[in-house]
Amino acid sequence: MSACGGGEARPPVASAVSAAPGAKTQRAPAFIEDDYPRALQEARTRGVPVFVDVWAPWCHSCVSMRAYVLSDARLGALASDFVFAAVDAENPANAAFVAAHPISAYPTLFVVDARTDTPLLAWEGTATAEELTQLLGDTRAGAADAAATFAKANRAKATGDLLGAKTLFLTALDDPKASRELRDRTIEGLTNVLSQRKEFDACAHLVAREHEAMRPGTSRASALALGASCAEESHAASLPAILAAVTALAKDGAAPILADDRSGLFEVAVDAEPRPEVRIGLAKEWAAFLEAEAKRAQKPAARAVFDPHRLLAYIAMGDPGRAIPMLEASERDLPRDYNPPARLARAYLELRRFDDAIAAVDRALARVYGPRTMRVYNTKADILERKGDPKGAADALAAGIAFMKKSAFTAANEALIGAAEARLAKLRR
């Protein structure tokens, strides 16, 4: 989900800020979009690494980072230290990058050594602008201290050496000279590694032991969200305490985390709550928070960051129709984006307005690209199956499978294709 350093909870979207009188105006760094070879060449020419934001259009955390962090003028201080690139990992034009630099979560923030095209950092999740500046500084640490060990752990993780990363994160965590800020990021990194290694009990134990001492920022939010997942997987006795901390942080309006990350904590709390009346109450709080954030957004793309979680909150409240005006507005304002009609299809499906759902999903299919196409076909199959048209559902799945088998990302999405094929076989029995 996230990562943090005590910056503003909502960094400004503006691309420039005023400096002291007589000083130059600082602007956010310019990103090279969907042209990694160009970014790599420019970095080699300048003798600096490449910072790469690997994102996907359907990923709300990715869109949040682009709207609220990567456009923040405070990052201008790093413009001379890196070449900045953005890679839409579902765009077929970026298939070579995705094959060379596989990821397990969105967004992933890479720092790549331009000379060798090898990663120095692969940080999964989000960050405030202040935190991102500090994190990038840590990747350059050269002294024999906890920051250097933290940097080495990130390099090991970036190259796929999860065991080495675990060992190094543990070493950094044991360093008594580590600052509280670095210790929090180390706990976040270690939690992520333990989760990926499926060491769920160790992950839950780490979060249960450490979270109370962590500052109420993004690293704590991320660790708690992962810790809750690990505790659920391992049936840890600490699950109720971790979930209580998740809920408390979600409700803490003063916590210095991105609004999308706070929303993610609400999602964890709502999903885990077994008592219907408490669940609905939490969902209403979640929805009210998101509505306030959407109202505060300065641009349609920034407002649409909150669309997917608003839809989930309204469904959890038992009022999916409340999402329709919001999603219709996003479709009008962002006519090339496949997400608003795809989400409208989900809302209409919840309302059993099948014809409206089919019309919406077909609009999404006309705009979607990359691996997400299979998921949109899955949504169409859901609608048709619920409508009582199993043949239509099977045809939708078959079309999605055919698309994916011709895709530049076929090998990376074998599990997605396999699940669709299994569902298709069941429908055709």
Protein backbone atom coordinates (compact mmCIF):
# COMPACT_ATOMS: atom_id res chain seq x y z
CA MET A 1 0.00 0.00 0.00
CA SER A 2 2.41 2.72 1.13
CA ALA A 3 5.53 4.31 2.75
CA CYS A 4 6.01 7.65 4.86
CA GLY A 5 8.18 10.43 6.29
CA GLY A 6 5.99 12.97 8.04
CA GLY A 7 5.25 15.21 5.05
CA GLU A 8 1.88 16.72 4.18
CA ALA A 9 -0.98 14.26 3.98
CA ARG A 10 -2.06 15.88 0.70
CA PRO A 11 0.91 17.25 -1.25
CA PRO A 12 -0.19 19.94 -3.69
CA VAL A 13 -0.87 19.03 -7.29
CA ALA A 14 0.70 22.24 -8.59
CA SER A 15 3.84 21.74 -10.70
CA ALA A 16 5.63 24.80 -9.35
CA VAL A 17 6.04 26.63 -6.04
CA SER A 18 7.43 30.06 -5.25
CA ALA A 19 10.85 30.18 -3.65
CA ALA A 20 12.36 32.99 -1.60
CA PRO A 21 12.30 36.49 -3.17
CA GLY A 22 14.75 36.66 -6.04
CA ALA A 23 15.17 32.86 -6.21
CA LYS A 24 14.15 30.65 -9.09
CA THR A 25 10.74 28.99 -9.03
CA GLN A 26 11.12 25.27 -8.33
CA ARG A 27 9.21 22.89 -10.57
CA ALA A 28 8.48 19.20 -10.42
CA PRO A 29 10.87 17.12 -12.54
CA ALA A 30 9.79 16.40 -16.11
CA PHE A 31 9.07 12.71 -16.70
CA ILE A 32 9.90 10.84 -19.90
CA GLU A 33 6.68 8.91 -20.49
CA ASP A 34 6.73 5.39 -21.97
CA ASP A 35 10.19 5.66 -23.55
CA TYR A 36 12.58 3.89 -21.22
CA PRO A 37 15.36 3.50 -23.85
CA ARG A 38 15.44 7.29 -24.25
CA ALA A 39 15.52 7.78 -20.47
CA LEU A 40 18.34 5.24 -20.13
CA GLN A 41 20.40 6.95 -22.84
CA GLU A 42 19.88 10.38 -21.31
CA ALA A 43 20.93 9.04 -17.89
CA ARG A 44 24.10 7.52 -19.37
CA THR A 45 24.92 10.83 -21.02
CA ARG A 46 24.43 12.73 -17.77
CA GLY A 47 26.07 10.07 -15.58
CA VAL A 48 23.08 9.69 -13.24
CA PRO A 49 20.64 6.85 -12.39
CA VAL A 50 17.10 6.57 -13.74
CA PHE A 51 14.12 6.89 -11.42
CA VAL A 52 11.24 4.88 -12.92
CA ASP A 53 7.62 5.03 -11.82
CA VAL A 54 6.10 1.73 -12.93
CA TRP A 55 2.34 2.13 -12.86
CA ALA A 56 -0.95 0.98 -14.40
CA PRO A 57 -4.04 3.09 -15.21
CA TRP A 58 -6.41 0.91 -13.16
CA CYS A 59 -4.23 1.13 -10.01
CA HIS A 60 -5.65 3.85 -7.74
CA SER A 61 -2.43 4.09 -5.73
CA CYS A 62 -0.47 4.63 -8.95
CA VAL A 63 -2.84 7.36 -10.10
CA SER A 64 -2.69 8.91 -6.64
CA MET A 65 1.11 9.05 -6.82
CA ARG A 66 0.98 10.70 -10.24
CA ALA A 67 -1.64 13.26 -9.18
CA TYR A 68 -0.43 14.08 -5.68
CA VAL A 69 3.27 13.21 -5.36
CA LEU A 70 5.21 12.90 -8.61
CA SER A 71 3.80 16.25 -9.74
CA ASP A 72 4.89 17.90 -6.48
CA ALA A 73 7.32 20.79 -6.94
CA ARG A 74 9.36 19.65 -3.93
CA LEU A 75 10.75 16.81 -6.06
CA GLY A 76 12.41 19.44 -8.21
CA ALA A 77 15.32 19.31 -5.77
CA LEU A 78 16.13 15.86 -7.23
CA ALA A 79 15.98 16.88 -10.89
CA SER A 80 19.77 17.02 -11.29
CA ASP A 81 20.33 13.69 -9.51
CA PHE A 82 18.15 11.44 -11.69
CA VAL A 83 16.50 11.12 -15.06
CA PHE A 84 12.79 10.69 -14.32
CA ALA A 85 10.77 8.16 -16.33
CA ALA A 86 7.26 6.75 -16.13
CA VAL A 87 6.36 3.34 -17.52
CA ASP A 88 2.77 2.20 -17.97
CA ALA A 89 3.40 -1.50 -17.41
CA GLU A 90 0.28 -2.49 -19.39
CA ASN A 91 1.21 -0.52 -22.51
CA PRO A 92 2.52 -2.97 -25.14
CA ALA A 93 5.21 -0.44 -26.03
CA ASN A 94 6.78 -1.18 -22.62
CA ALA A 95 6.80 -4.98 -22.89
CA ALA A 96 10.61 -5.15 -23.09
CA PHE A 97 11.01 -3.12 -19.88
CA VAL A 98 8.44 -5.26 -18.06
CA ALA A 99 10.23 -8.46 -19.13
CA ALA A 100 13.60 -7.12 -17.98
CA HIS A 101 12.30 -5.59 -14.73
CA PRO A 102 9.42 -7.75 -13.47
CA ILE A 103 7.35 -6.47 -10.57
CA SER A 104 4.97 -8.03 -8.07
CA ALA A 105 2.94 -4.96 -7.08
CA TYR A 106 1.81 -1.58 -8.35
CA PRO A 107 3.20 0.97 -8.12
CA THR A 108 6.85 -0.02 -8.02
CA LEU A 109 9.42 2.77 -7.86
CA PHE A 110 12.74 1.78 -9.40
CA VAL A 111 16.13 3.39 -9.28
CA VAL A 112 18.22 1.88 -12.08
CA ASP A 113 21.97 2.10 -12.61
CA ALA A 114 22.04 3.46 -16.15
CA ARG A 115 25.47 1.99 -16.93
CA THR A 116 24.35 -1.60 -16.40
CA ASP A 117 20.54 -1.32 -16.51
CA THR A 118 20.38 -3.04 -13.11
CA PRO A 119 18.10 -1.93 -10.27
CA LEU A 120 19.45 -0.24 -7.17
CA LEU A 121 15.99 0.09 -5.64
CA ALA A 122 12.59 -1.46 -6.26
CA TRP A 123 10.22 0.08 -3.71
CA GLU A 124 6.68 -1.27 -3.81
CA GLY A 125 4.03 1.16 -2.72
CA THR A 126 3.54 4.85 -2.26
CA ALA A 127 5.28 7.72 -0.51
CA THR A 128 4.78 11.37 0.27
CA ALA A 129 7.03 13.81 -1.59
CA GLU A 130 9.13 14.32 1.54
CA GLU A 131 9.47 10.61 2.12
CA LEU A 132 10.38 9.91 -1.48
CA THR A 133 13.19 12.47 -1.29
CA GLN A 134 14.58 10.76 1.82
CA LEU A 135 14.17 7.27 0.35
CA LEU A 136 16.09 8.22 -2.76
CA GLY A 137 18.80 9.71 -0.59
CA ASP A 138 19.11 6.43 1.29
CA THR A 139 19.77 4.54 -1.95
CA ARG A 140 22.95 6.61 -2.33
CA ALA A 141 24.19 6.03 1.24
CA GLY A 142 27.83 5.00 1.24
CA ALA A 143 28.80 4.97 4.91
CA ALA A 144 29.00 1.77 6.94
CA ASP A 145 25.85 2.46 8.91
CA ALA A 146 22.20 1.47 9.06
CA ALA A 147 21.35 3.66 6.04
CA ALA A 148 23.97 1.86 3.96
CA THR A 149 22.66 -1.52 5.10
CA PHE A 150 19.11 -0.41 4.29
CA ALA A 151 20.29 0.62 0.82
CA LYS A 152 22.00 -2.76 0.31
CA ALA A 153 18.81 -4.55 1.41
CA ASN A 154 16.82 -2.63 -1.19
CA ARG A 155 19.35 -3.50 -3.87
CA ALA A 156 19.12 -7.18 -2.96
CA LYS A 157 15.32 -7.04 -3.09
CA ALA A 158 15.42 -5.20 -6.41
CA THR A 159 17.45 -8.03 -7.95
CA GLY A 160 15.10 -10.70 -6.58
CA ASP A 161 17.33 -11.85 -3.70
CA LEU A 162 14.60 -11.90 -1.05
CA LEU A 163 16.62 -13.99 1.41
CA GLY A 164 19.56 -11.60 1.17
CA ALA A 165 17.21 -8.65 1.54
CA LYS A 166 15.65 -10.19 4.64
CA THR A 167 19.07 -10.69 6.25
CA LEU A 168 20.14 -7.13 5.49
CA PHE A 169 16.87 -5.58 6.67
CA LEU A 170 17.22 -7.52 9.93
CA THR A 171 20.79 -6.24 10.31
CA ALA A 172 19.65 -2.65 9.74
CA LEU A 173 16.82 -3.14 12.23
CA ASP A 174 19.28 -4.32 14.89
CA ASP A 175 21.50 -1.24 14.50
CA PRO A 176 21.03 0.86 17.68
CA LYS A 177 22.20 4.00 15.81
CA ALA A 178 19.38 3.84 13.24
CA SER A 179 17.06 6.86 13.32
CA ARG A 180 13.37 6.34 14.03
CA GLU A 181 12.59 7.35 10.44
CA LEU A 182 15.01 4.80 8.97
CA ARG A 183 13.84 2.14 11.41
CA ASP A 184 10.24 2.65 10.29
CA ARG A 185 11.17 2.28 6.61
CA THR A 186 13.22 -0.80 7.46
CA ILE A 187 10.22 -2.39 9.19
CA GLU A 188 8.10 -1.62 6.14
CA GLY A 189 10.68 -3.15 3.79
CA LEU A 190 11.15 -6.23 5.97
CA THR A 191 7.38 -6.74 6.29
CA ASN A 192 7.10 -6.66 2.51
CA VAL A 193 9.91 -9.19 2.08
CA LEU A 194 8.48 -11.56 4.70
CA SER A 195 5.08 -11.39 3.03
CA GLN A 196 6.56 -12.14 -0.39
CA ARG A 197 8.48 -15.07 1.08
CA LYS A 198 5.20 -16.30 2.59
CA GLU A 199 6.68 -16.11 6.09
CA PHE A 200 3.30 -14.95 7.30
CA ASP A 201 3.72 -15.76 10.97
CA ALA A 202 7.04 -13.88 11.15
CA CYS A 203 5.49 -10.96 9.27
CA ALA A 204 2.51 -10.75 11.67
CA HIS A 205 4.80 -11.09 14.70
CA LEU A 206 7.06 -8.28 13.48
CA VAL A 207 4.14 -5.89 12.95
CA ALA A 208 2.50 -6.79 16.27
CA ARG A 209 5.79 -6.18 18.09
CA GLU A 210 6.86 -2.98 16.33
CA HIS A 211 3.84 -0.99 15.14
CA GLU A 212 3.13 0.90 18.37
CA ALA A 213 6.60 2.45 18.36
CA MET A 214 6.32 3.51 14.70
CA ARG A 215 5.32 7.05 13.84
CA PRO A 216 1.76 7.47 12.49
CA GLY A 217 2.92 7.79 8.89
CA THR A 218 2.99 5.81 5.68
CA SER A 219 5.50 3.17 6.75
CA ARG A 220 3.29 2.33 9.72
CA ALA A 221 0.19 2.30 7.52
CA SER A 222 1.84 -0.05 5.03
CA ALA A 223 3.21 -2.33 7.74
CA LEU A 224 -0.19 -2.55 9.44
CA ALA A 225 -2.00 -3.34 6.19
CA LEU A 226 0.50 -6.08 5.32
CA GLY A 227 0.56 -7.28 8.91
CA ALA A 228 -3.21 -7.71 8.90
CA SER A 229 -2.98 -9.78 5.72
CA CYS A 230 -0.15 -11.89 7.15
CA ALA A 231 -2.00 -12.40 10.45
CA GLU A 232 -5.10 -13.53 8.57
CA GLU A 233 -3.03 -15.98 6.48
CA SER A 234 -1.31 -17.44 9.56
CA HIS A 235 -4.35 -17.25 11.87
CA ALA A 236 -2.17 -15.27 14.28
CA ALA A 237 -3.55 -14.37 17.69
CA SER A 238 -2.40 -10.79 17.04
CA LEU A 239 -4.95 -10.22 14.25
CA PRO A 240 -7.57 -8.40 16.38
CA ALA A 241 -4.95 -6.03 17.83
CA ILE A 242 -3.49 -5.30 14.40
CA LEU A 243 -6.95 -4.65 12.95
CA ALA A 244 -7.75 -2.31 15.84
CA ALA A 245 -4.59 -0.34 15.02
CA VAL A 246 -5.54 -0.30 11.31
CA THR A 247 -8.97 1.15 12.15
CA ALA A 248 -7.53 3.74 14.53
CA LEU A 249 -5.02 4.96 11.94
CA ALA A 250 -7.70 5.08 9.23
CA LYS A 251 -9.76 7.37 11.48
CA ASP A 252 -6.78 9.57 12.39
CA GLY A 253 -7.29 12.62 10.20
CA ALA A 254 -3.99 14.11 11.39
CA ALA A 255 -1.85 11.17 10.25
CA PRO A 256 0.73 12.36 7.67
CA ILE A 257 -0.20 9.91 4.95
CA LEU A 258 -1.67 10.21 1.47
CA ALA A 259 -5.45 10.21 1.35
CA ASP A 260 -5.40 7.12 -0.87
CA ASP A 261 -3.37 5.25 1.76
CA ARG A 262 -5.74 6.23 4.52
CA SER A 263 -8.54 4.97 2.31
CA GLY A 264 -6.67 1.68 1.91
CA LEU A 265 -6.69 1.26 5.68
CA PHE A 266 -10.45 1.82 5.72
CA GLU A 267 -10.75 -0.89 3.07
CA VAL A 268 -8.79 -3.37 5.22
CA ALA A 269 -10.92 -2.52 8.28
CA VAL A 270 -14.24 -2.78 6.41
CA ASP A 271 -13.31 -6.07 4.71
CA ALA A 272 -12.27 -7.63 8.03
CA GLU A 273 -15.27 -6.48 10.10
CA PRO A 274 -17.67 -9.43 10.66
CA ARG A 275 -20.45 -7.44 12.39
CA PRO A 276 -22.80 -6.03 9.73
CA GLU A 277 -23.85 -2.93 11.66
CA VAL A 278 -20.24 -2.00 12.49
CA ARG A 279 -19.16 -2.74 8.94
CA ILE A 280 -21.82 -0.43 7.50
CA GLY A 281 -20.91 2.31 9.97
CA LEU A 282 -17.23 2.06 9.01
CA ALA A 283 -18.17 2.11 5.32
CA LYS A 284 -20.15 5.31 5.84
CA GLU A 285 -17.16 6.95 7.54
CA TRP A 286 -14.97 5.76 4.66
CA ALA A 287 -17.37 7.18 2.07
CA ALA A 288 -17.65 10.53 3.85
CA PHE A 289 -13.86 10.83 4.02
CA LEU A 290 -13.50 10.04 0.31
CA GLU A 291 -16.25 12.44 -0.70
CA ALA A 292 -14.46 15.25 1.14
CA GLU A 293 -11.16 14.38 -0.56
CA ALA A 294 -12.80 14.25 -3.99
CA LYS A 295 -14.39 17.64 -3.41
CA ARG A 296 -10.97 19.06 -2.52
CA ALA A 297 -9.31 17.72 -5.70
CA GLN A 298 -8.20 20.40 -8.13
CA LYS A 299 -8.45 18.41 -11.38
CA PRO A 300 -10.71 15.62 -12.71
CA ALA A 301 -7.83 13.11 -12.74
CA ALA A 302 -7.06 13.90 -9.10
CA ARG A 303 -10.75 13.53 -8.17
CA ALA A 304 -10.98 10.20 -10.03
CA VAL A 305 -8.20 8.79 -7.82
CA PHE A 306 -10.92 8.17 -5.25
CA ASP A 307 -13.51 6.62 -7.61
CA PRO A 308 -12.64 2.92 -7.07
CA HIS A 309 -12.63 3.17 -3.27
CA ARG A 310 -15.80 5.26 -3.28
CA LEU A 311 -17.50 2.54 -5.30
CA LEU A 312 -16.32 -0.12 -2.81
CA ALA A 313 -17.48 1.99 0.13
CA TYR A 314 -20.93 2.53 -1.40
CA ILE A 315 -21.26 -1.19 -2.10
CA ALA A 316 -20.27 -1.97 1.51
CA MET A 317 -22.93 0.53 2.66
CA GLY A 318 -25.51 -1.26 0.51
CA ASP A 319 -25.94 1.79 -1.75
CA PRO A 320 -24.06 1.13 -5.03
CA GLY A 321 -26.31 3.53 -6.96
CA ARG A 322 -24.66 6.40 -5.13
CA ALA A 323 -21.55 5.81 -7.29
CA ILE A 324 -23.31 6.37 -10.61
CA PRO A 325 -23.25 10.22 -10.79
CA MET A 326 -19.60 10.26 -9.73
CA LEU A 327 -18.59 7.71 -12.37
CA GLU A 328 -20.65 9.38 -15.07
CA ALA A 329 -18.81 12.63 -14.31
CA SER A 330 -15.45 10.87 -14.56
CA GLU A 331 -16.40 9.32 -17.89
CA ARG A 332 -17.35 12.75 -19.25
CA ASP A 333 -14.20 14.40 -17.92
CA LEU A 334 -11.80 11.58 -18.87
CA PRO A 335 -13.22 10.28 -22.19
CA ARG A 336 -10.18 8.13 -23.06
CA ASP A 337 -10.03 6.38 -19.68
CA TYR A 338 -11.55 2.88 -19.62
CA ASN A 339 -11.87 2.84 -15.83
CA PRO A 340 -15.03 4.97 -15.36
CA PRO A 341 -17.22 2.83 -17.66
CA ALA A 342 -15.71 -0.39 -16.28
CA ARG A 343 -16.61 0.76 -12.75
CA LEU A 344 -20.05 1.88 -13.90
CA ALA A 345 -20.58 -1.66 -15.19
CA ARG A 346 -19.81 -2.99 -11.70
CA ALA A 347 -22.23 -0.51 -10.08
CA TYR A 348 -25.01 -1.38 -12.54
CA LEU A 349 -24.36 -5.09 -11.96
CA GLU A 350 -24.82 -4.60 -8.22
CA LEU A 351 -28.15 -2.91 -9.03
CA ARG A 352 -29.10 -5.72 -11.47
CA ARG A 353 -29.43 -3.15 -14.26
CA PHE A 354 -27.96 -5.62 -16.73
CA ASP A 355 -28.53 -3.76 -19.99
CA ASP A 356 -26.92 -0.61 -18.59
CA ALA A 357 -24.05 -2.73 -17.29
CA ILE A 358 -23.46 -4.32 -20.70
CA ALA A 359 -23.50 -0.93 -22.43
CA ALA A 360 -20.96 0.40 -19.91
CA VAL A 361 -18.64 -2.60 -20.13
CA ASP A 362 -18.69 -2.43 -23.93
CA ARG A 363 -17.58 1.22 -23.73
CA ALA A 364 -14.75 0.10 -21.46
CA LEU A 365 -13.75 -2.65 -23.89
CA ALA A 366 -13.53 -0.09 -26.70
CA ARG A 367 -10.86 1.81 -24.68
CA VAL A 368 -9.00 -0.79 -22.62
CA TYR A 369 -5.59 -2.22 -23.52
CA GLY A 370 -3.03 -4.62 -22.09
CA PRO A 371 -3.71 -7.33 -19.48
CA ARG A 372 -6.60 -5.35 -17.97
CA THR A 373 -8.57 -6.32 -21.07
CA MET A 374 -9.04 -9.84 -19.68
CA ARG A 375 -10.47 -8.49 -16.45
CA VAL A 376 -12.94 -6.29 -18.32
CA TYR A 377 -14.05 -9.34 -20.33
CA ASN A 378 -14.43 -11.15 -17.00
CA THR A 379 -16.74 -8.36 -15.85
CA LYS A 380 -18.79 -8.74 -19.02
CA ALA A 381 -19.01 -12.48 -18.36
CA ASP A 382 -20.17 -11.75 -14.78
CA ILE A 383 -22.95 -9.52 -16.10
CA LEU A 384 -24.13 -11.97 -18.74
CA GLU A 385 -24.00 -14.93 -16.36
CA ARG A 386 -26.04 -13.04 -13.75
CA LYS A 387 -28.47 -12.05 -16.50
CA GLY A 388 -29.02 -15.72 -17.31
CA ASP A 389 -27.00 -15.85 -20.55
CA PRO A 390 -24.26 -18.47 -20.01
CA LYS A 391 -23.49 -18.66 -23.75
CA GLY A 392 -22.89 -14.91 -23.89
CA ALA A 393 -20.69 -15.17 -20.80
CA ALA A 394 -18.67 -17.96 -22.44
CA ASP A 395 -18.28 -15.91 -25.62
CA ALA A 396 -16.98 -12.96 -23.58
CA LEU A 397 -14.42 -15.14 -21.85
CA ALA A 398 -13.33 -16.70 -25.13
CA ALA A 399 -12.79 -13.26 -26.64
CA GLY A 400 -10.70 -12.20 -23.66
CA ILE A 401 -8.59 -15.37 -23.78
CA ALA A 402 -8.00 -14.92 -27.52
CA PHE A 403 -6.87 -11.35 -26.94
CA MET A 404 -4.51 -12.32 -24.13
CA LYS A 405 -2.90 -15.15 -26.12
CA LYS A 406 -1.89 -12.60 -28.76
CA SER A 407 -0.75 -10.07 -26.16
CA ALA A 408 2.81 -8.92 -25.59
CA PHE A 409 2.25 -9.86 -21.92
CA THR A 410 0.99 -13.44 -22.39
CA ALA A 411 3.84 -15.13 -20.50
CA ALA A 412 3.50 -12.80 -17.52
CA ASN A 413 -0.25 -13.40 -17.27
CA GLU A 414 -0.50 -17.17 -17.54
CA ALA A 415 -2.38 -17.40 -14.24
CA LEU A 416 -4.96 -14.86 -15.43
CA ILE A 417 -5.44 -16.73 -18.70
CA GLY A 418 -5.60 -20.08 -16.89
CA ALA A 419 -8.31 -18.86 -14.51
CA ALA A 420 -10.36 -17.60 -17.46
CA GLU A 421 -9.94 -20.91 -19.29
CA ALA A 422 -11.08 -22.85 -16.21
CA ARG A 423 -14.15 -20.65 -15.89
CA LEU A 424 -14.90 -21.02 -19.61
CA ALA A 425 -14.66 -24.81 -19.39
CA LYS A 426 -17.12 -24.79 -16.48
CA LEU A 427 -19.58 -22.62 -18.41
CA ARG A 428 -19.44 -24.92 -21.45
CA ARG A 429 -20.14 -28.13 -19.56
